[in-house]
């Protein structure tokens, strides 16, 4: 299985970006897909997940970020609006079995990770 993330960049506070992550090598519908992020000097943290038709978000991004799946393209999207400087981080997509019932924020539950894409929000 491979995950290829893209879409990062530099944006001003209040702006928008859309990240995408394409899964290849396995059946797309067998996996829950999530985004995590890691800011400099901080631990990696959960951002959002889309699995079995359900979505969940970290409190810090609720109402601003939207995760969605495009099954025709084997892609998960993260639409990020009203970006803040504190959203600056490397964003990683991750995949886990849809049969996993471990907490969505548990990084060890995700067996597959993309390479990361940098998001920088200027004030």
N, C-alpha and C. Protein backbone atom coordinates (compact mmCIF):
# COMPACT_ATOMS: atom_id res chain seq x y z
N UNK A 1 0.85 -1.18 0.00
CA UNK A 1 0.00 0.00 0.00
C UNK A 1 0.89 1.24 0.00
N UNK A 2 0.49 2.23 -0.78
CA UNK A 2 1.21 3.50 -0.81
C UNK A 2 0.23 4.65 -0.66
N UNK A 3 0.67 5.66 0.07
CA UNK A 3 -0.12 6.88 0.25
C UNK A 3 0.72 8.05 -0.26
N UNK A 4 0.13 8.81 -1.16
CA UNK A 4 0.82 9.95 -1.75
C UNK A 4 0.05 11.21 -1.42
N UNK A 5 0.66 12.06 -0.59
CA UNK A 5 0.02 13.30 -0.17
C UNK A 5 0.52 14.47 -1.00
N UNK A 6 -0.36 15.45 -1.17
CA UNK A 6 0.01 16.65 -1.91
C UNK A 6 -0.92 17.78 -1.52
N UNK A 7 -0.58 19.00 -1.97
CA UNK A 7 -1.48 20.13 -1.78
C UNK A 7 -1.03 21.15 -0.76
N UNK A 8 0.06 20.89 -0.06
CA UNK A 8 0.52 21.85 0.91
C UNK A 8 1.06 23.11 0.26
N UNK A 9 1.34 24.11 1.10
CA UNK A 9 1.87 25.35 0.57
C UNK A 9 1.86 26.44 1.60
N UNK A 10 2.08 27.66 1.12
CA UNK A 10 2.10 28.85 1.97
C UNK A 10 0.82 29.65 1.72
N UNK A 11 0.14 30.01 2.79
CA UNK A 11 -1.11 30.76 2.68
C UNK A 11 -1.19 31.76 3.81
N UNK A 12 -1.89 32.86 3.58
CA UNK A 12 -2.08 33.85 4.62
C UNK A 12 -3.18 33.41 5.58
N UNK A 13 -3.12 33.89 6.80
CA UNK A 13 -4.16 33.60 7.78
C UNK A 13 -5.52 33.98 7.21
N UNK A 14 -6.48 33.12 7.44
CA UNK A 14 -7.82 33.31 6.90
C UNK A 14 -8.04 32.66 5.55
N UNK A 15 -6.96 32.20 4.94
CA UNK A 15 -7.05 31.58 3.62
C UNK A 15 -7.42 30.11 3.69
N UNK A 16 -7.37 29.48 2.52
CA UNK A 16 -7.79 28.08 2.40
C UNK A 16 -6.77 27.27 1.61
N UNK A 17 -6.72 25.99 1.92
CA UNK A 17 -5.91 25.03 1.18
C UNK A 17 -6.67 23.71 1.17
N UNK A 18 -6.42 22.92 0.13
CA UNK A 18 -6.97 21.57 0.10
C UNK A 18 -5.83 20.57 -0.07
N UNK A 19 -5.74 19.67 0.86
CA UNK A 19 -4.76 18.58 0.79
C UNK A 19 -5.43 17.35 0.19
N UNK A 20 -4.65 16.59 -0.54
CA UNK A 20 -5.17 15.34 -1.07
C UNK A 20 -4.19 14.21 -0.78
N UNK A 21 -4.72 13.02 -0.67
CA UNK A 21 -3.92 11.83 -0.40
C UNK A 21 -4.50 10.68 -1.20
N UNK A 22 -3.68 10.11 -2.05
CA UNK A 22 -4.13 9.02 -2.91
C UNK A 22 -3.57 7.70 -2.42
N UNK A 23 -4.45 6.72 -2.29
CA UNK A 23 -4.07 5.38 -1.85
C UNK A 23 -3.95 4.47 -3.07
N UNK A 24 -2.89 3.71 -3.11
CA UNK A 24 -2.71 2.74 -4.19
C UNK A 24 -2.22 1.42 -3.62
N UNK A 25 -2.51 0.37 -4.32
CA UNK A 25 -2.01 -0.94 -3.93
C UNK A 25 -2.99 -1.81 -3.17
N UNK A 26 -4.08 -1.23 -2.70
CA UNK A 26 -5.07 -1.99 -1.96
C UNK A 26 -6.46 -1.44 -2.30
N UNK A 27 -7.48 -2.15 -1.81
CA UNK A 27 -8.85 -1.72 -2.04
C UNK A 27 -9.18 -0.52 -1.16
N UNK A 28 -9.51 0.57 -1.80
CA UNK A 28 -9.72 1.85 -1.10
C UNK A 28 -10.76 1.73 -0.02
N UNK A 29 -11.85 1.03 -0.30
CA UNK A 29 -12.96 0.97 0.65
C UNK A 29 -12.65 0.14 1.89
N UNK A 30 -11.54 -0.57 1.91
CA UNK A 30 -11.16 -1.37 3.07
C UNK A 30 -10.43 -0.57 4.14
N UNK A 31 -10.23 0.72 3.86
CA UNK A 31 -9.40 1.52 4.76
C UNK A 31 -10.08 2.80 5.22
N UNK A 32 -9.90 3.07 6.51
CA UNK A 32 -10.21 4.38 7.03
C UNK A 32 -9.00 5.27 6.79
N UNK A 33 -9.26 6.51 6.44
CA UNK A 33 -8.17 7.42 6.11
C UNK A 33 -8.23 8.65 7.01
N UNK A 34 -7.08 9.04 7.48
CA UNK A 34 -6.99 10.14 8.44
C UNK A 34 -5.87 11.10 8.07
N UNK A 35 -5.96 12.27 8.66
CA UNK A 35 -4.88 13.25 8.59
C UNK A 35 -4.38 13.53 10.00
N UNK A 36 -3.07 13.58 10.12
CA UNK A 36 -2.40 14.00 11.33
C UNK A 36 -1.49 15.16 10.95
N UNK A 37 -1.01 15.88 11.95
CA UNK A 37 -0.06 16.96 11.67
C UNK A 37 0.96 17.05 12.78
N UNK A 38 2.11 17.58 12.42
CA UNK A 38 3.18 17.75 13.40
C UNK A 38 3.83 19.11 13.18
N UNK A 39 3.71 19.95 14.20
CA UNK A 39 4.33 21.27 14.17
C UNK A 39 5.75 21.15 14.73
N UNK A 40 6.62 22.10 14.40
CA UNK A 40 8.00 22.05 14.91
C UNK A 40 8.03 22.00 16.43
N UNK A 41 8.76 21.05 16.96
CA UNK A 41 8.92 20.93 18.40
C UNK A 41 7.75 20.32 19.12
N UNK A 42 6.75 19.88 18.38
CA UNK A 42 5.56 19.30 19.00
C UNK A 42 5.34 17.87 18.55
N UNK A 43 4.51 17.15 19.30
CA UNK A 43 4.17 15.79 18.92
C UNK A 43 3.16 15.79 17.77
N UNK A 44 3.17 14.70 17.05
CA UNK A 44 2.19 14.54 15.98
C UNK A 44 0.81 14.41 16.60
N UNK A 45 -0.18 15.07 15.99
CA UNK A 45 -1.52 15.06 16.55
C UNK A 45 -2.57 14.75 15.48
N UNK A 46 -3.65 14.19 15.94
CA UNK A 46 -4.78 13.84 15.08
C UNK A 46 -5.48 15.10 14.59
N UNK A 47 -5.90 15.07 13.33
CA UNK A 47 -6.64 16.18 12.75
C UNK A 47 -8.07 15.75 12.36
N UNK A 48 -8.17 14.71 11.53
CA UNK A 48 -9.48 14.30 11.03
C UNK A 48 -9.40 12.88 10.49
N UNK A 49 -10.55 12.21 10.48
CA UNK A 49 -10.63 10.85 9.95
C UNK A 49 -11.93 10.66 9.19
N UNK A 50 -11.87 9.83 8.16
CA UNK A 50 -13.05 9.44 7.40
C UNK A 50 -13.01 7.93 7.27
N UNK A 51 -13.98 7.28 7.91
CA UNK A 51 -13.96 5.82 7.92
C UNK A 51 -15.39 5.28 7.96
N UNK A 52 -15.70 4.37 7.07
CA UNK A 52 -17.01 3.71 7.03
C UNK A 52 -18.15 4.72 7.01
N UNK A 53 -17.93 5.80 6.29
CA UNK A 53 -18.99 6.79 6.15
C UNK A 53 -19.05 7.81 7.26
N UNK A 54 -18.27 7.63 8.29
CA UNK A 54 -18.27 8.57 9.41
C UNK A 54 -17.03 9.45 9.37
N UNK A 55 -17.17 10.64 9.95
CA UNK A 55 -16.05 11.55 10.06
C UNK A 55 -15.90 12.01 11.51
N UNK A 56 -14.69 12.38 11.85
CA UNK A 56 -14.42 12.90 13.19
C UNK A 56 -13.28 13.90 13.06
N UNK A 57 -13.28 14.90 13.94
CA UNK A 57 -12.32 15.97 13.85
C UNK A 57 -11.75 16.30 15.22
N UNK A 58 -10.53 16.79 15.23
CA UNK A 58 -9.97 17.37 16.44
C UNK A 58 -10.75 18.65 16.75
N UNK A 59 -10.89 18.95 18.02
CA UNK A 59 -11.64 20.15 18.41
C UNK A 59 -11.05 21.42 17.79
N UNK A 60 -9.74 21.43 17.62
CA UNK A 60 -9.07 22.63 17.12
C UNK A 60 -9.40 22.96 15.67
N UNK A 61 -9.95 21.99 14.93
CA UNK A 61 -10.24 22.23 13.51
C UNK A 61 -11.72 22.10 13.17
N UNK A 62 -12.53 21.71 14.14
CA UNK A 62 -13.97 21.56 13.86
C UNK A 62 -14.56 22.86 13.36
N UNK A 63 -15.38 22.74 12.32
CA UNK A 63 -16.01 23.92 11.73
C UNK A 63 -15.15 24.63 10.71
N UNK A 64 -13.87 24.26 10.63
CA UNK A 64 -12.97 24.90 9.66
C UNK A 64 -12.46 23.91 8.61
N UNK A 65 -12.25 22.67 9.02
CA UNK A 65 -11.70 21.64 8.13
C UNK A 65 -12.80 20.64 7.78
N UNK A 66 -12.73 20.11 6.56
CA UNK A 66 -13.66 19.08 6.12
C UNK A 66 -12.89 17.95 5.44
N UNK A 67 -13.11 16.73 5.90
CA UNK A 67 -12.47 15.57 5.27
C UNK A 67 -13.51 14.84 4.44
N UNK A 68 -13.10 14.43 3.25
CA UNK A 68 -14.02 13.74 2.35
C UNK A 68 -13.25 12.72 1.52
N UNK A 69 -14.00 11.80 0.94
CA UNK A 69 -13.39 10.76 0.11
C UNK A 69 -13.93 10.83 -1.31
N UNK A 70 -13.04 10.62 -2.27
CA UNK A 70 -13.43 10.49 -3.67
C UNK A 70 -13.06 9.06 -4.07
N UNK A 71 -14.04 8.17 -3.98
CA UNK A 71 -13.76 6.76 -4.23
C UNK A 71 -13.35 6.48 -5.67
N UNK A 72 -13.82 7.29 -6.60
CA UNK A 72 -13.46 7.09 -8.00
C UNK A 72 -11.97 7.33 -8.23
N UNK A 73 -11.37 8.16 -7.36
CA UNK A 73 -9.95 8.50 -7.51
C UNK A 73 -9.09 7.92 -6.40
N UNK A 74 -9.70 7.11 -5.52
CA UNK A 74 -8.96 6.53 -4.37
C UNK A 74 -8.25 7.62 -3.57
N UNK A 75 -8.97 8.70 -3.35
CA UNK A 75 -8.35 9.87 -2.74
C UNK A 75 -9.17 10.37 -1.56
N UNK A 76 -8.47 10.82 -0.53
CA UNK A 76 -9.10 11.51 0.58
C UNK A 76 -8.63 12.96 0.54
N UNK A 77 -9.58 13.86 0.76
CA UNK A 77 -9.30 15.29 0.70
C UNK A 77 -9.46 15.92 2.08
N UNK A 78 -8.66 16.93 2.34
CA UNK A 78 -8.82 17.73 3.55
C UNK A 78 -8.94 19.18 3.12
N UNK A 79 -10.17 19.67 3.16
CA UNK A 79 -10.42 21.07 2.83
C UNK A 79 -10.21 21.89 4.10
N UNK A 80 -9.28 22.83 4.05
CA UNK A 80 -8.94 23.63 5.22
C UNK A 80 -9.29 25.08 4.96
N UNK A 81 -10.22 25.60 5.73
CA UNK A 81 -10.65 26.98 5.60
C UNK A 81 -10.30 27.77 6.87
N UNK A 82 -10.34 29.08 6.75
CA UNK A 82 -10.07 29.96 7.90
C UNK A 82 -8.79 29.55 8.61
N UNK A 83 -7.75 29.36 7.84
CA UNK A 83 -6.49 28.87 8.40
C UNK A 83 -5.88 29.88 9.36
N UNK A 84 -5.23 29.35 10.39
CA UNK A 84 -4.58 30.14 11.41
C UNK A 84 -3.10 29.82 11.44
N UNK A 85 -2.28 30.73 11.94
CA UNK A 85 -0.84 30.43 12.04
C UNK A 85 -0.56 29.15 12.82
N UNK A 86 -1.39 28.85 13.79
CA UNK A 86 -1.18 27.63 14.59
C UNK A 86 -1.51 26.35 13.82
N UNK A 87 -2.04 26.48 12.61
CA UNK A 87 -2.25 25.31 11.76
C UNK A 87 -0.98 24.93 11.00
N UNK A 88 0.05 25.76 11.11
CA UNK A 88 1.31 25.47 10.44
C UNK A 88 1.91 24.17 10.95
N UNK A 89 2.17 23.26 10.03
CA UNK A 89 2.68 21.94 10.41
C UNK A 89 2.94 21.14 9.14
N UNK A 90 3.60 20.01 9.32
CA UNK A 90 3.65 19.01 8.27
C UNK A 90 2.43 18.11 8.45
N UNK A 91 1.66 17.95 7.40
CA UNK A 91 0.44 17.16 7.45
C UNK A 91 0.70 15.79 6.81
N UNK A 92 0.27 14.76 7.53
CA UNK A 92 0.47 13.39 7.09
C UNK A 92 -0.89 12.70 6.91
N UNK A 93 -1.04 11.96 5.83
CA UNK A 93 -2.20 11.10 5.74
C UNK A 93 -1.82 9.70 6.21
N UNK A 94 -2.81 9.00 6.72
CA UNK A 94 -2.57 7.67 7.28
C UNK A 94 -3.78 6.79 7.01
N UNK A 95 -3.54 5.49 6.94
CA UNK A 95 -4.61 4.55 6.66
C UNK A 95 -4.61 3.42 7.68
N UNK A 96 -5.82 2.94 8.00
CA UNK A 96 -5.95 1.79 8.88
C UNK A 96 -7.16 1.00 8.42
N UNK A 97 -7.24 -0.23 8.84
CA UNK A 97 -8.36 -1.08 8.47
C UNK A 97 -9.68 -0.48 8.96
N UNK A 98 -10.71 -0.61 8.16
CA UNK A 98 -12.02 -0.12 8.59
C UNK A 98 -12.57 -0.97 9.73
N UNK A 99 -11.96 -2.11 10.01
CA UNK A 99 -12.42 -2.96 11.09
C UNK A 99 -11.75 -2.64 12.42
N UNK A 100 -10.88 -1.66 12.42
CA UNK A 100 -10.24 -1.25 13.66
C UNK A 100 -11.21 -0.41 14.48
N UNK A 101 -11.27 -0.74 15.77
CA UNK A 101 -12.12 0.01 16.68
C UNK A 101 -11.32 0.76 17.72
N UNK A 102 -10.05 0.87 17.46
CA UNK A 102 -9.20 1.66 18.36
C UNK A 102 -9.51 3.13 18.15
N UNK A 103 -9.23 3.96 19.15
CA UNK A 103 -9.54 5.39 19.01
C UNK A 103 -8.94 6.00 17.76
N UNK A 104 -9.69 6.87 17.12
CA UNK A 104 -9.23 7.42 15.84
C UNK A 104 -7.96 8.23 15.97
N UNK A 105 -7.70 8.73 17.16
CA UNK A 105 -6.49 9.52 17.38
C UNK A 105 -5.28 8.71 17.76
N UNK A 106 -5.43 7.40 17.83
CA UNK A 106 -4.34 6.51 18.21
C UNK A 106 -3.46 6.26 17.00
N UNK A 107 -2.31 6.89 16.96
CA UNK A 107 -1.43 6.77 15.78
C UNK A 107 -0.98 5.34 15.54
N UNK A 108 -0.85 4.56 16.59
CA UNK A 108 -0.37 3.18 16.43
C UNK A 108 -1.40 2.31 15.72
N UNK A 109 -2.62 2.79 15.59
CA UNK A 109 -3.65 2.02 14.89
C UNK A 109 -3.53 2.15 13.38
N UNK A 110 -2.70 3.07 12.92
CA UNK A 110 -2.55 3.32 11.50
C UNK A 110 -1.26 2.66 11.01
N UNK A 111 -1.40 1.71 10.13
CA UNK A 111 -0.24 0.97 9.68
C UNK A 111 0.46 1.55 8.47
N UNK A 112 -0.18 2.53 7.86
CA UNK A 112 0.36 3.08 6.62
C UNK A 112 0.34 4.61 6.68
N UNK A 113 1.45 5.21 6.25
CA UNK A 113 1.60 6.66 6.33
C UNK A 113 2.13 7.21 5.02
N UNK A 114 1.63 8.40 4.66
CA UNK A 114 2.18 9.11 3.53
C UNK A 114 3.43 9.88 3.94
N UNK A 115 4.02 10.58 2.99
CA UNK A 115 5.31 11.22 3.21
C UNK A 115 5.21 12.58 3.88
N UNK A 116 4.02 13.15 3.99
CA UNK A 116 3.89 14.45 4.62
C UNK A 116 3.94 15.58 3.62
N UNK A 117 3.18 16.63 3.90
CA UNK A 117 3.18 17.82 3.06
C UNK A 117 3.13 19.04 3.97
N UNK A 118 3.96 20.03 3.69
CA UNK A 118 4.11 21.20 4.55
C UNK A 118 3.01 22.21 4.30
N UNK A 119 2.39 22.65 5.39
CA UNK A 119 1.42 23.74 5.35
C UNK A 119 1.96 24.86 6.23
N UNK A 120 2.09 26.04 5.65
CA UNK A 120 2.58 27.19 6.40
C UNK A 120 1.56 28.32 6.28
N UNK A 121 1.12 28.80 7.43
CA UNK A 121 0.13 29.88 7.47
C UNK A 121 0.80 31.11 8.06
N UNK A 122 0.87 32.15 7.29
CA UNK A 122 1.51 33.38 7.75
C UNK A 122 0.48 34.32 8.38
N UNK A 123 0.94 35.07 9.36
CA UNK A 123 0.02 35.98 10.07
C UNK A 123 -0.03 37.33 9.39
